[in-house]
Amino acid sequence: MASLSHYGDLPPVARLGGQVGTGLVDVTGDLTALDSTGHWAVVVTYEGQAICARFRDWRPASPYEAVAADWVGPGPSDWATSLDHAAYVAGVESIRAAVARGDVYQANVCQVRHAPLPDVGRADVAALHLLLEHGNRSPFGGVVRVPGAHVATASPELFLRRHGSMLESSPIKGTGKTAADLLPKDRAENVMIVDLVRNDMSRVSRPGSVSVPSLLHLEQHPGLVHLVSTVRTELVDGAGWPEIFDATFPPGSVTGAPKTSAVGLLREIELVPRGPYCGAVGWVDADAGTAELAVGIRTFWLADDQVWFGTGAGITWDSDPEGEWAECELKAARLLRVAAGTWEAEES
């Protein structure tokens, strides 16, 4: 991840899974550390760069304000993007052509937005996360503020949850303002990604243990709805975190099917690295054998005196390019207003 500026001087902290971690012990990029001991905050970029931060002390997350400094964010119109409207539509058409050739069945085309920090002395992702908790509360929201990673997420999507040998994932595919906006394309895409996740997880699973306890469940989130499914399995003996990530990362819902082909095509379309966006953000308790990692969507991060944020949409043959652009705008609109500090004023 890129360098930090003045905000890099803030004390390390994490707020994940309803707990606040303080007293940083060490930071490593080696995923094998997650199989050792201790309670870790974890950020893994889409490109696979890991930051694993072990904290000595964890406590319930209230009062959270004690760990936050200040935040002044850019206005909703201050953001530039790696793919503007024309480039994004062209990317969608490229994927549709690849589907027609039989190269892929689905791929998730993403753009990365960035804006200058108005005041780098008032740029604390923990304070930004307070705004996200107030204006866009999410089931896997959290913040990691450690050397090399200043990340605030309002992710609604579970990448991996672990309890001992049990591992599960809940991919999201299908987004609309209301349930009435969801199309047959959304349901087909969700089922397609469930099959991909089942295949990924089978690589580290006991034979016959992969199941789908929930398919196409409708979830309500601030300003939109999602279709969510759940895949569950029992890990094979000896499967540690490096093996789990090797089998399942990057998350299937933000890549495509087949995954290897989709990732290669997306590399040609997308002009910048995704960074923490579409990666993983969460916690691992190595002592208890438990973990909860979210897909790094609805996620902000700081680097090079800029704040960064990504959006994307899954593309199939049935995709309407303008509709996919509109989905990206829908996903971004509320969060960019929350980050600007204008959401509450607009709602009142």
Protein backbone atom coordinates (compact mmCIF):
# COMPACT_ATOMS: atom_id res chain seq x y z
CA MET A 1 0.00 0.00 0.00
CA ALA A 2 1.17 3.55 -0.67
CA SER A 3 2.74 5.84 1.88
CA LEU A 4 0.91 7.70 4.63
CA SER A 5 1.35 11.31 5.69
CA HIS A 6 0.49 13.18 8.92
CA TYR A 7 -2.37 10.80 9.74
CA GLY A 8 0.24 8.04 9.97
CA ASP A 9 1.25 9.45 13.36
CA LEU A 10 -2.06 8.47 15.01
CA PRO A 11 -1.78 5.57 17.49
CA PRO A 12 -2.59 2.12 16.09
CA VAL A 13 -6.11 0.87 16.72
CA ALA A 14 -8.66 -1.51 15.24
CA ARG A 15 -12.41 -1.78 15.66
CA LEU A 16 -13.73 -5.04 14.28
CA GLY A 17 -16.43 -7.50 15.28
CA GLY A 18 -17.75 -5.25 18.03
CA GLN A 19 -14.38 -4.97 19.75
CA VAL A 20 -11.63 -2.36 19.91
CA GLY A 21 -8.02 -3.52 19.74
CA THR A 22 -5.20 -1.43 21.25
CA GLY A 23 -1.62 -2.07 22.26
CA LEU A 24 -0.09 -3.04 18.93
CA VAL A 25 2.36 -5.91 19.36
CA ASP A 26 3.57 -6.51 15.81
CA VAL A 27 2.68 -6.17 12.14
CA THR A 28 3.51 -8.72 9.45
CA GLY A 29 2.65 -9.52 5.86
CA ASP A 30 2.98 -13.26 6.49
CA LEU A 31 -0.39 -15.04 6.63
CA THR A 32 1.14 -17.95 8.53
CA ALA A 33 1.14 -15.67 11.59
CA LEU A 34 -2.64 -16.05 11.71
CA ASP A 35 -2.13 -19.72 12.60
CA SER A 36 0.15 -18.89 15.55
CA THR A 37 -1.28 -17.05 18.56
CA GLY A 38 -3.04 -13.80 19.41
CA HIS A 39 -5.93 -11.68 18.13
CA TRP A 40 -5.22 -10.04 14.77
CA ALA A 41 -6.65 -7.27 12.64
CA VAL A 42 -6.25 -8.17 8.97
CA VAL A 43 -6.26 -6.19 5.71
CA VAL A 44 -5.45 -7.96 2.45
CA THR A 45 -5.48 -5.98 -0.80
CA TYR A 46 -7.12 -7.39 -3.90
CA GLU A 47 -3.60 -7.86 -5.28
CA GLY A 48 -2.73 -10.06 -2.29
CA GLN A 49 -0.63 -7.77 -0.09
CA ALA A 50 -1.43 -8.64 3.52
CA ILE A 51 -1.12 -6.54 6.66
CA CYS A 52 -1.74 -8.59 9.80
CA ALA A 53 -1.62 -6.55 13.04
CA ARG A 54 -1.62 -8.29 16.41
CA PHE A 55 -3.04 -6.25 19.30
CA ARG A 56 -2.47 -7.06 22.95
CA ASP A 57 -5.74 -5.70 24.35
CA TRP A 58 -9.28 -6.12 23.01
CA ARG A 59 -12.39 -4.72 24.71
CA PRO A 60 -16.03 -4.10 23.83
CA ALA A 61 -16.31 -1.29 21.31
CA SER A 62 -18.15 1.22 23.51
CA PRO A 63 -17.32 4.02 24.01
CA TYR A 64 -15.82 4.11 20.55
CA GLU A 65 -15.33 7.86 20.38
CA ALA A 66 -12.29 7.57 22.65
CA VAL A 67 -10.19 6.07 19.82
CA ALA A 68 -11.14 8.59 17.11
CA ALA A 69 -9.57 11.95 16.32
CA ASP A 70 -11.11 14.04 13.52
CA TRP A 71 -12.23 13.76 9.93
CA VAL A 72 -12.75 16.31 7.16
CA GLY A 73 -13.67 14.64 3.90
CA PRO A 74 -13.94 15.73 0.27
CA GLY A 75 -17.26 16.79 -1.20
CA PRO A 76 -19.24 14.27 -3.26
CA SER A 77 -18.25 16.07 -6.47
CA ASP A 78 -14.52 16.24 -5.65
CA TRP A 79 -13.74 12.66 -6.66
CA ALA A 80 -11.89 11.53 -9.79
CA THR A 81 -12.26 7.98 -11.08
CA SER A 82 -10.07 5.43 -12.80
CA LEU A 83 -12.90 4.65 -15.25
CA ASP A 84 -15.24 7.45 -16.26
CA HIS A 85 -18.67 6.82 -17.74
CA ALA A 86 -17.45 6.17 -21.27
CA ALA A 87 -14.56 3.94 -20.16
CA TYR A 88 -16.78 1.95 -17.82
CA VAL A 89 -19.41 1.35 -20.49
CA ALA A 90 -16.64 0.25 -22.86
CA GLY A 91 -15.38 -2.15 -20.18
CA VAL A 92 -18.83 -3.65 -19.82
CA GLU A 93 -19.03 -4.17 -23.57
CA SER A 94 -15.60 -5.84 -23.50
CA ILE A 95 -16.83 -8.34 -20.92
CA ARG A 96 -20.03 -9.00 -22.89
CA ALA A 97 -17.88 -9.73 -25.93
CA ALA A 98 -15.75 -12.11 -23.85
CA VAL A 99 -18.91 -13.89 -22.71
CA ALA A 100 -19.99 -14.22 -26.35
CA ARG A 101 -16.61 -15.80 -27.16
CA GLY A 102 -16.98 -18.22 -24.25
CA ASP A 103 -13.97 -16.81 -22.34
CA VAL A 104 -15.99 -16.06 -19.19
CA TYR A 105 -19.54 -16.33 -17.91
CA GLN A 106 -19.34 -13.30 -15.62
CA ALA A 107 -16.83 -10.67 -14.51
CA ASN A 108 -16.96 -7.81 -12.02
CA VAL A 109 -15.80 -4.52 -13.62
CA CYS A 110 -14.62 -2.02 -10.98
CA GLN A 111 -13.53 1.59 -10.82
CA VAL A 112 -11.39 3.19 -8.11
CA ARG A 113 -12.19 6.76 -7.09
CA HIS A 114 -9.86 9.14 -5.29
CA ALA A 115 -9.94 12.68 -3.94
CA PRO A 116 -7.42 14.93 -2.18
CA LEU A 117 -7.76 15.12 1.58
CA PRO A 118 -8.96 18.65 2.37
CA ASP A 119 -6.94 18.69 5.62
CA VAL A 120 -4.38 15.93 6.18
CA GLY A 121 -4.19 16.96 9.83
CA ARG A 122 -7.86 16.02 10.21
CA ALA A 123 -7.87 12.72 8.38
CA ASP A 124 -8.51 9.89 10.82
CA VAL A 125 -10.18 6.79 9.36
CA ALA A 126 -11.51 5.96 12.83
CA ALA A 127 -13.45 9.22 12.80
CA LEU A 128 -14.58 8.49 9.23
CA HIS A 129 -15.86 5.14 10.43
CA LEU A 130 -17.94 6.89 13.08
CA LEU A 131 -19.68 8.72 10.25
CA LEU A 132 -20.19 5.45 8.39
CA GLU A 133 -21.65 3.81 11.49
CA HIS A 134 -24.07 6.71 11.83
CA GLY A 135 -25.02 7.12 8.18
CA ASN A 136 -24.49 3.67 6.64
CA ARG A 137 -24.39 1.03 9.38
CA SER A 138 -23.34 -2.35 8.05
CA PRO A 139 -22.96 -5.87 9.46
CA PHE A 140 -19.20 -6.00 8.87
CA GLY A 141 -18.22 -2.38 9.37
CA GLY A 142 -14.85 -1.70 10.94
CA VAL A 143 -11.62 0.24 10.94
CA VAL A 144 -7.93 -0.66 10.93
CA ARG A 145 -5.43 2.10 11.70
CA VAL A 146 -1.93 0.64 11.74
CA PRO A 147 1.35 1.43 9.97
CA GLY A 148 0.76 0.78 6.29
CA ALA A 149 -3.04 0.49 6.44
CA HIS A 150 -5.60 3.18 7.28
CA VAL A 151 -8.86 1.53 6.23
CA ALA A 152 -12.51 2.18 7.15
CA THR A 153 -15.14 -0.20 5.83
CA ALA A 154 -18.91 -0.35 5.76
CA SER A 155 -18.90 -3.74 4.08
CA PRO A 156 -22.17 -5.66 3.92
CA GLU A 157 -20.52 -8.84 2.62
CA LEU A 158 -18.99 -11.76 4.49
CA PHE A 159 -15.93 -13.19 2.77
CA LEU A 160 -14.97 -15.83 5.33
CA ARG A 161 -16.19 -16.77 8.80
CA ARG A 162 -14.40 -19.49 10.70
CA HIS A 163 -15.28 -21.46 13.85
CA GLY A 164 -12.68 -24.16 14.29
CA SER A 165 -12.95 -26.38 11.22
CA MET A 166 -16.17 -24.74 9.97
CA LEU A 167 -15.71 -22.19 7.19
CA GLU A 168 -18.45 -20.22 5.48
CA SER A 169 -18.83 -17.44 2.93
CA SER A 170 -21.84 -15.31 1.96
CA PRO A 171 -21.35 -13.84 -1.52
CA ILE A 172 -23.51 -10.91 -2.64
CA LYS A 173 -24.74 -10.73 -6.22
CA GLY A 174 -27.78 -8.66 -7.18
CA THR A 175 -28.28 -5.02 -6.16
CA GLY A 176 -31.23 -2.68 -6.50
CA LYS A 177 -32.97 0.19 -4.77
CA THR A 178 -35.82 -2.18 -3.94
CA ALA A 179 -36.59 -5.87 -4.45
CA ALA A 180 -38.67 -4.92 -7.49
CA ASP A 181 -35.49 -3.68 -9.21
CA LEU A 182 -33.84 -7.10 -9.12
CA LEU A 183 -33.78 -8.88 -12.47
CA PRO A 184 -33.53 -12.53 -13.55
CA LYS A 185 -29.95 -11.63 -14.51
CA ASP A 186 -29.23 -10.86 -10.82
CA ARG A 187 -30.49 -14.25 -9.65
CA ALA A 188 -28.60 -16.10 -12.36
CA GLU A 189 -25.41 -14.22 -11.50
CA ASN A 190 -25.78 -15.04 -7.80
CA VAL A 191 -26.17 -18.76 -8.52
CA MET A 192 -23.15 -18.61 -10.84
CA ILE A 193 -20.96 -17.11 -8.11
CA VAL A 194 -22.26 -19.58 -5.53
CA ASP A 195 -20.99 -22.37 -7.78
CA LEU A 196 -17.61 -20.60 -8.02
CA VAL A 197 -17.37 -20.21 -4.23
CA ARG A 198 -18.35 -23.87 -3.74
CA ASN A 199 -15.55 -24.87 -6.08
CA ASP A 200 -13.02 -22.58 -4.35
CA MET A 201 -13.89 -23.83 -0.89
CA SER A 202 -13.82 -27.47 -1.96
CA ARG A 203 -10.06 -27.14 -2.44
CA VAL A 204 -9.62 -26.99 1.36
CA SER A 205 -12.68 -29.02 2.39
CA ARG A 206 -13.39 -32.48 3.67
CA PRO A 207 -14.95 -34.50 0.85
CA GLY A 208 -18.71 -34.06 0.67
CA SER A 209 -18.85 -31.29 3.27
CA VAL A 210 -19.62 -28.28 1.04
CA SER A 211 -23.25 -27.14 1.39
CA VAL A 212 -25.43 -24.14 0.53
CA PRO A 213 -27.68 -23.51 3.56
CA SER A 214 -29.09 -20.28 2.09
CA LEU A 215 -29.65 -19.30 -1.55
CA LEU A 216 -30.86 -15.93 -2.92
CA HIS A 217 -31.79 -14.44 0.44
CA LEU A 218 -32.96 -10.81 0.19
CA GLU A 219 -31.11 -8.44 2.53
CA GLN A 220 -32.05 -4.83 3.23
CA HIS A 221 -29.23 -2.29 3.55
CA PRO A 222 -29.25 1.53 3.74
CA GLY A 223 -30.57 2.79 0.41
CA LEU A 224 -30.52 -0.56 -1.43
CA VAL A 225 -31.17 -4.32 -1.32
CA HIS A 226 -28.89 -7.28 -2.06
CA LEU A 227 -29.30 -10.93 -2.93
CA VAL A 228 -27.10 -12.99 -0.59
CA SER A 229 -26.31 -16.71 -0.49
CA THR A 230 -24.26 -18.74 2.00
CA VAL A 231 -21.78 -21.54 1.33
CA ARG A 232 -20.49 -23.63 4.23
CA THR A 233 -17.90 -26.38 4.58
CA GLU A 234 -15.65 -28.32 6.96
CA LEU A 235 -11.94 -27.70 6.53
CA VAL A 236 -9.65 -30.57 5.77
CA ASP A 237 -7.09 -31.33 8.49
CA GLY A 238 -3.99 -29.17 8.19
CA ALA A 239 -5.61 -26.33 6.24
CA GLY A 240 -4.14 -23.09 7.59
CA TRP A 241 -4.72 -19.49 6.56
CA PRO A 242 -2.21 -19.53 3.67
CA GLU A 243 -4.00 -22.55 2.20
CA ILE A 244 -7.44 -20.99 2.78
CA PHE A 245 -6.45 -17.77 1.04
CA ASP A 246 -4.76 -19.65 -1.78
CA ALA A 247 -8.04 -21.50 -2.42
CA THR A 248 -10.54 -18.68 -2.04
CA PHE A 249 -8.87 -15.31 -2.69
CA PRO A 250 -9.68 -12.91 -4.28
CA PRO A 251 -13.36 -13.32 -3.37
CA GLY A 252 -15.44 -14.84 -6.14
CA SER A 253 -18.15 -12.19 -5.97
CA VAL A 254 -15.70 -9.45 -7.02
CA THR A 255 -13.81 -11.37 -9.69
CA GLY A 256 -15.89 -13.59 -11.96
CA ALA A 257 -16.29 -17.05 -13.42
CA PRO A 258 -14.11 -18.80 -14.33
CA LYS A 259 -12.04 -16.84 -11.85
CA THR A 260 -8.63 -17.06 -13.53
CA SER A 261 -10.00 -15.96 -16.91
CA ALA A 262 -12.04 -13.15 -15.35
CA VAL A 263 -9.10 -11.79 -13.37
CA GLY A 264 -6.97 -11.69 -16.52
CA LEU A 265 -9.63 -9.80 -18.49
CA LEU A 266 -10.24 -7.33 -15.68
CA ARG A 267 -6.53 -6.57 -15.49
CA GLU A 268 -6.73 -5.37 -19.11
CA ILE A 269 -9.80 -3.16 -18.47
CA GLU A 270 -9.09 -1.64 -15.07
CA LEU A 271 -6.35 0.97 -15.10
CA VAL A 272 -5.20 1.04 -11.45
CA PRO A 273 -4.79 -1.52 -8.65
CA ARG A 274 -7.89 -2.04 -6.55
CA GLY A 275 -5.94 -1.98 -3.27
CA PRO A 276 -8.01 -2.80 -0.16
CA TYR A 277 -11.15 -2.50 -2.29
CA CYS A 278 -12.37 -6.02 -3.13
CA GLY A 279 -9.75 -7.48 -0.80
CA ALA A 280 -10.44 -8.64 2.76
CA VAL A 281 -10.84 -6.70 6.02
CA GLY A 282 -11.52 -8.28 9.39
CA TRP A 283 -10.14 -10.16 12.36
CA VAL A 284 -8.64 -13.53 13.23
CA ASP A 285 -8.40 -14.95 16.76
CA ALA A 286 -5.66 -17.53 16.39
CA ASP A 287 -6.08 -18.81 19.95
CA ALA A 288 -9.82 -19.45 19.64
CA GLY A 289 -9.69 -20.65 16.05
CA THR A 290 -12.29 -18.08 14.99
CA ALA A 291 -12.34 -15.35 12.37
CA GLU A 292 -14.58 -12.98 10.45
CA LEU A 293 -13.30 -11.36 7.26
CA ALA A 294 -15.44 -9.07 5.10
CA VAL A 295 -15.07 -8.44 1.39
CA GLY A 296 -13.49 -4.98 1.14
CA ILE A 297 -16.43 -3.28 -0.57
CA ARG A 298 -18.00 0.01 0.63
CA THR A 299 -14.47 0.68 1.83
CA PHE A 300 -12.32 3.82 2.13
CA TRP A 301 -8.57 3.98 2.62
CA LEU A 302 -5.92 6.69 2.89
CA ALA A 303 -2.70 6.87 0.88
CA ASP A 304 -0.55 9.64 -0.61
CA ASP A 305 -2.66 12.42 0.98
CA GLN A 306 -5.69 11.07 -0.87
CA VAL A 307 -8.78 9.15 0.18
CA TRP A 308 -9.70 6.21 -2.05
CA PHE A 309 -12.94 4.33 -2.63
CA GLY A 310 -14.05 1.71 -5.16
CA THR A 311 -17.29 0.57 -6.77
CA GLY A 312 -18.12 -2.10 -9.31
CA ALA A 313 -20.79 -4.31 -10.81
CA GLY A 314 -21.02 -7.87 -12.07
CA ILE A 315 -21.30 -8.19 -15.83
CA THR A 316 -22.98 -10.98 -17.78
CA TRP A 317 -24.26 -11.25 -21.36
CA ASP A 318 -27.61 -9.84 -20.18
CA SER A 319 -26.00 -6.73 -18.67
CA ASP A 320 -27.12 -3.31 -19.84
CA PRO A 321 -23.99 -1.10 -19.83
CA GLU A 322 -25.89 2.00 -18.72
CA GLY A 323 -27.63 -0.01 -16.02
CA GLU A 324 -24.32 -1.32 -14.69
CA TRP A 325 -22.94 2.23 -14.56
CA ALA A 326 -26.08 3.27 -12.67
CA GLU A 327 -25.53 0.43 -10.19
CA CYS A 328 -22.01 1.72 -9.46
CA GLU A 329 -23.40 5.21 -8.92
CA LEU A 330 -26.10 3.85 -6.60
CA LYS A 331 -23.54 2.00 -4.49
CA ALA A 332 -21.32 5.09 -4.22
CA ALA A 333 -23.80 7.94 -3.81
CA ARG A 334 -24.81 7.54 -0.17
CA LEU A 335 -21.33 6.64 1.05
CA LEU A 336 -19.66 9.61 -0.62
CA ARG A 337 -22.18 11.93 1.03
CA VAL A 338 -21.59 10.26 4.39
CA ALA A 339 -17.82 10.68 3.97
CA ALA A 340 -18.36 14.35 3.10
CA GLY A 341 -20.28 14.85 6.34
CA THR A 342 -23.35 16.07 4.43
CA TRP A 343 -25.64 13.06 4.79
CA GLU A 344 -27.22 14.05 8.10
CA ALA A 345 -27.94 17.58 6.86
CA GLU A 346 -29.58 16.19 3.73
CA GLU A 347 -31.71 13.79 5.76
CA SER A 348 -32.94 16.44 8.23
